[in-house]
């Protein structure tokens, strides 16, 4: 089955591990205190953005906020009035 792209990309949280982190081989491990990144795919290209936090829950909220903003923009509700 061919992959279809979502209109609104799913934003994932990943860790940007420090060299001395015990989990540096696992970018998907997010429970450490290393800086977090937001990652998503759009039109076949990978995007990365710093979450500007080391806290997983805060980064996850920023990911959901970004998705919500894109949903509003897609509906035409994202602009200021």
N, C-alpha and C. Protein backbone atom coordinates (compact mmCIF):
# COMPACT_ATOMS: atom_id res chain seq x y z
N UNK A 1 0.85 -1.18 0.00
CA UNK A 1 0.00 0.00 0.00
C UNK A 1 0.90 1.24 0.00
N UNK A 2 0.67 2.18 -0.90
CA UNK A 2 1.51 3.39 -0.95
C UNK A 2 1.22 4.31 0.23
N UNK A 3 2.26 4.98 0.66
CA UNK A 3 2.10 5.94 1.74
C UNK A 3 1.43 7.20 1.22
N UNK A 4 0.58 7.76 2.04
CA UNK A 4 -0.06 9.03 1.70
C UNK A 4 0.40 10.06 2.70
N UNK A 5 0.57 11.28 2.26
CA UNK A 5 1.01 12.32 3.19
C UNK A 5 -0.20 12.92 3.88
N UNK A 6 0.00 13.26 5.14
CA UNK A 6 -1.04 13.94 5.91
C UNK A 6 -1.03 15.40 5.54
N UNK A 7 -2.18 16.01 5.56
CA UNK A 7 -2.26 17.44 5.30
C UNK A 7 -1.54 18.20 6.42
N UNK A 8 -1.69 17.74 7.64
CA UNK A 8 -1.03 18.33 8.79
C UNK A 8 0.00 17.32 9.29
N UNK A 9 1.28 17.64 9.22
CA UNK A 9 2.31 16.68 9.66
C UNK A 9 2.20 16.36 11.14
N UNK A 10 2.57 15.16 11.50
CA UNK A 10 2.67 14.73 12.90
C UNK A 10 4.04 15.15 13.40
N UNK A 11 4.10 15.88 14.50
CA UNK A 11 5.36 16.36 15.07
C UNK A 11 5.78 15.40 16.18
N UNK A 12 7.01 14.89 16.08
CA UNK A 12 7.56 13.97 17.07
C UNK A 12 8.61 14.67 17.90
N UNK A 13 8.73 14.26 19.15
CA UNK A 13 9.76 14.78 20.05
C UNK A 13 10.89 13.77 20.09
N UNK A 14 12.10 14.25 19.92
CA UNK A 14 13.31 13.42 20.00
C UNK A 14 14.33 14.14 20.86
N UNK A 15 15.29 13.37 21.38
CA UNK A 15 16.35 13.96 22.18
C UNK A 15 17.58 14.21 21.33
N UNK A 16 18.23 15.31 21.60
CA UNK A 16 19.53 15.63 21.00
C UNK A 16 20.56 15.32 22.10
N UNK A 17 20.95 14.05 22.19
CA UNK A 17 21.73 13.56 23.32
C UNK A 17 23.13 14.16 23.41
N UNK A 18 23.53 14.42 24.64
CA UNK A 18 24.90 14.85 24.93
C UNK A 18 25.84 13.66 24.76
N UNK A 19 27.11 13.93 24.53
CA UNK A 19 28.09 12.87 24.31
C UNK A 19 28.18 11.92 25.50
N UNK A 20 27.93 12.42 26.71
CA UNK A 20 28.04 11.57 27.90
C UNK A 20 26.70 10.99 28.37
N UNK A 21 25.66 11.14 27.59
CA UNK A 21 24.34 10.59 27.97
C UNK A 21 24.36 9.07 27.81
N UNK A 22 23.79 8.38 28.78
CA UNK A 22 23.72 6.91 28.74
C UNK A 22 22.84 6.41 27.59
N UNK A 23 22.02 7.26 27.02
CA UNK A 23 21.07 6.85 25.98
C UNK A 23 21.38 7.48 24.62
N UNK A 24 22.64 7.88 24.41
CA UNK A 24 22.99 8.60 23.19
C UNK A 24 22.76 7.80 21.91
N UNK A 25 22.70 6.49 22.00
CA UNK A 25 22.47 5.67 20.81
C UNK A 25 20.99 5.57 20.45
N UNK A 26 20.11 6.12 21.29
CA UNK A 26 18.67 5.99 21.10
C UNK A 26 18.03 7.38 20.98
N UNK A 27 17.92 7.91 19.77
CA UNK A 27 17.37 9.27 19.62
C UNK A 27 15.91 9.35 20.07
N UNK A 28 15.20 8.22 20.06
CA UNK A 28 13.80 8.23 20.47
C UNK A 28 13.64 8.19 21.99
N UNK A 29 14.72 7.98 22.73
CA UNK A 29 14.63 7.99 24.19
C UNK A 29 14.55 9.44 24.65
N UNK A 30 13.46 9.80 25.31
CA UNK A 30 13.22 11.21 25.63
C UNK A 30 13.14 11.48 27.13
N UNK A 31 13.36 10.49 27.96
CA UNK A 31 13.22 10.66 29.41
C UNK A 31 14.50 11.14 30.08
N UNK A 32 15.54 11.40 29.32
CA UNK A 32 16.79 11.95 29.87
C UNK A 32 16.69 13.47 29.92
N UNK A 33 17.74 14.10 30.42
CA UNK A 33 17.71 15.57 30.55
C UNK A 33 18.42 16.27 29.38
N UNK A 34 18.59 15.58 28.28
CA UNK A 34 19.21 16.19 27.09
C UNK A 34 18.20 17.11 26.39
N UNK A 35 18.69 18.07 25.60
CA UNK A 35 17.78 18.98 24.88
C UNK A 35 16.85 18.21 23.93
N UNK A 36 15.64 18.69 23.81
CA UNK A 36 14.64 18.04 22.96
C UNK A 36 14.49 18.78 21.64
N UNK A 37 14.18 18.01 20.59
CA UNK A 37 13.93 18.54 19.25
C UNK A 37 12.52 18.16 18.82
N UNK A 38 11.96 18.99 17.96
CA UNK A 38 10.70 18.66 17.30
C UNK A 38 11.05 18.26 15.88
N UNK A 39 10.51 17.14 15.42
CA UNK A 39 10.80 16.65 14.06
C UNK A 39 9.50 16.29 13.36
N UNK A 40 9.48 16.57 12.06
CA UNK A 40 8.32 16.19 11.25
C UNK A 40 8.75 16.05 9.81
N UNK A 41 7.92 15.36 9.03
CA UNK A 41 8.15 15.18 7.60
C UNK A 41 7.05 15.92 6.86
N UNK A 42 7.45 16.64 5.82
CA UNK A 42 6.47 17.31 4.96
C UNK A 42 7.01 17.30 3.54
N UNK A 43 6.19 16.85 2.63
CA UNK A 43 6.55 16.76 1.20
C UNK A 43 7.85 16.00 1.00
N UNK A 44 8.05 14.94 1.78
CA UNK A 44 9.22 14.09 1.63
C UNK A 44 10.49 14.64 2.24
N UNK A 45 10.41 15.75 2.94
CA UNK A 45 11.58 16.36 3.55
C UNK A 45 11.44 16.34 5.07
N UNK A 46 12.54 16.04 5.76
CA UNK A 46 12.53 16.04 7.22
C UNK A 46 12.88 17.42 7.74
N UNK A 47 12.12 17.86 8.72
CA UNK A 47 12.36 19.14 9.36
C UNK A 47 12.67 18.91 10.83
N UNK A 48 13.57 19.72 11.36
CA UNK A 48 13.94 19.66 12.77
C UNK A 48 13.93 21.07 13.34
N UNK A 49 13.47 21.18 14.57
CA UNK A 49 13.42 22.47 15.23
C UNK A 49 13.67 22.24 16.72
N UNK A 50 14.47 23.08 17.31
CA UNK A 50 14.70 22.97 18.74
C UNK A 50 13.41 23.24 19.49
N UNK A 51 13.19 22.46 20.55
CA UNK A 51 12.03 22.70 21.41
C UNK A 51 12.39 23.70 22.51
N UNK A 52 13.65 24.07 22.60
CA UNK A 52 14.13 25.03 23.59
C UNK A 52 13.78 24.60 25.01
N UNK A 53 13.87 23.29 25.24
CA UNK A 53 13.63 22.75 26.58
C UNK A 53 14.33 21.40 26.69
N UNK A 54 14.53 20.98 27.91
CA UNK A 54 15.06 19.64 28.20
C UNK A 54 13.97 18.75 28.78
N UNK A 55 12.79 19.31 28.99
CA UNK A 55 11.68 18.60 29.60
C UNK A 55 10.80 17.97 28.52
N UNK A 56 10.59 16.66 28.62
CA UNK A 56 9.81 15.95 27.61
C UNK A 56 8.37 16.46 27.53
N UNK A 57 7.72 16.63 28.67
CA UNK A 57 6.32 17.05 28.67
C UNK A 57 6.15 18.42 28.04
N UNK A 58 7.07 19.32 28.33
CA UNK A 58 7.01 20.66 27.74
C UNK A 58 7.22 20.59 26.23
N UNK A 59 8.16 19.76 25.80
CA UNK A 59 8.41 19.60 24.36
C UNK A 59 7.21 18.98 23.66
N UNK A 60 6.58 18.02 24.30
CA UNK A 60 5.39 17.38 23.72
C UNK A 60 4.26 18.41 23.56
N UNK A 61 4.10 19.28 24.54
CA UNK A 61 3.08 20.33 24.43
C UNK A 61 3.39 21.27 23.28
N UNK A 62 4.66 21.61 23.10
CA UNK A 62 5.05 22.48 21.98
C UNK A 62 4.77 21.80 20.65
N UNK A 63 4.96 20.49 20.59
CA UNK A 63 4.67 19.74 19.36
C UNK A 63 3.17 19.81 19.05
N UNK A 64 2.32 19.58 20.06
CA UNK A 64 0.87 19.64 19.84
C UNK A 64 0.43 21.05 19.48
N UNK A 65 1.05 22.07 20.10
CA UNK A 65 0.71 23.46 19.78
C UNK A 65 1.05 23.78 18.32
N UNK A 66 2.18 23.27 17.85
CA UNK A 66 2.59 23.50 16.46
C UNK A 66 1.59 22.85 15.51
N UNK A 67 1.21 21.60 15.80
CA UNK A 67 0.21 20.92 14.97
C UNK A 67 -1.12 21.69 14.97
N UNK A 68 -1.53 22.17 16.13
CA UNK A 68 -2.79 22.92 16.24
C UNK A 68 -2.73 24.21 15.41
N UNK A 69 -1.59 24.90 15.46
CA UNK A 69 -1.44 26.12 14.68
C UNK A 69 -1.57 25.82 13.18
N UNK A 70 -0.95 24.71 12.74
CA UNK A 70 -1.06 24.34 11.33
C UNK A 70 -2.49 23.99 10.95
N UNK A 71 -3.21 23.33 11.87
CA UNK A 71 -4.62 23.01 11.59
C UNK A 71 -5.44 24.27 11.41
N UNK A 72 -5.22 25.26 12.28
CA UNK A 72 -5.94 26.53 12.15
C UNK A 72 -5.60 27.23 10.85
N UNK A 73 -4.32 27.23 10.48
CA UNK A 73 -3.91 27.86 9.22
C UNK A 73 -4.55 27.16 8.03
N UNK A 74 -4.65 25.84 8.09
CA UNK A 74 -5.25 25.07 7.00
C UNK A 74 -6.74 25.40 6.85
N UNK A 75 -7.39 25.71 7.97
CA UNK A 75 -8.81 26.07 7.95
C UNK A 75 -9.02 27.54 7.62
N UNK A 76 -7.94 28.30 7.60
CA UNK A 76 -8.06 29.73 7.34
C UNK A 76 -8.31 30.54 8.58
N UNK A 77 -8.13 29.93 9.76
CA UNK A 77 -8.36 30.62 11.02
C UNK A 77 -7.08 31.06 11.72
N UNK A 78 -5.96 30.97 11.04
CA UNK A 78 -4.69 31.23 11.69
C UNK A 78 -4.25 32.67 11.71
N UNK A 79 -4.91 33.54 10.98
CA UNK A 79 -4.47 34.92 10.89
C UNK A 79 -5.03 35.81 11.97
N UNK A 80 -4.44 36.95 12.14
CA UNK A 80 -4.94 37.96 13.09
C UNK A 80 -6.06 38.75 12.42
N UNK A 81 -6.98 39.22 13.22
CA UNK A 81 -8.09 40.00 12.66
C UNK A 81 -8.06 41.40 13.18
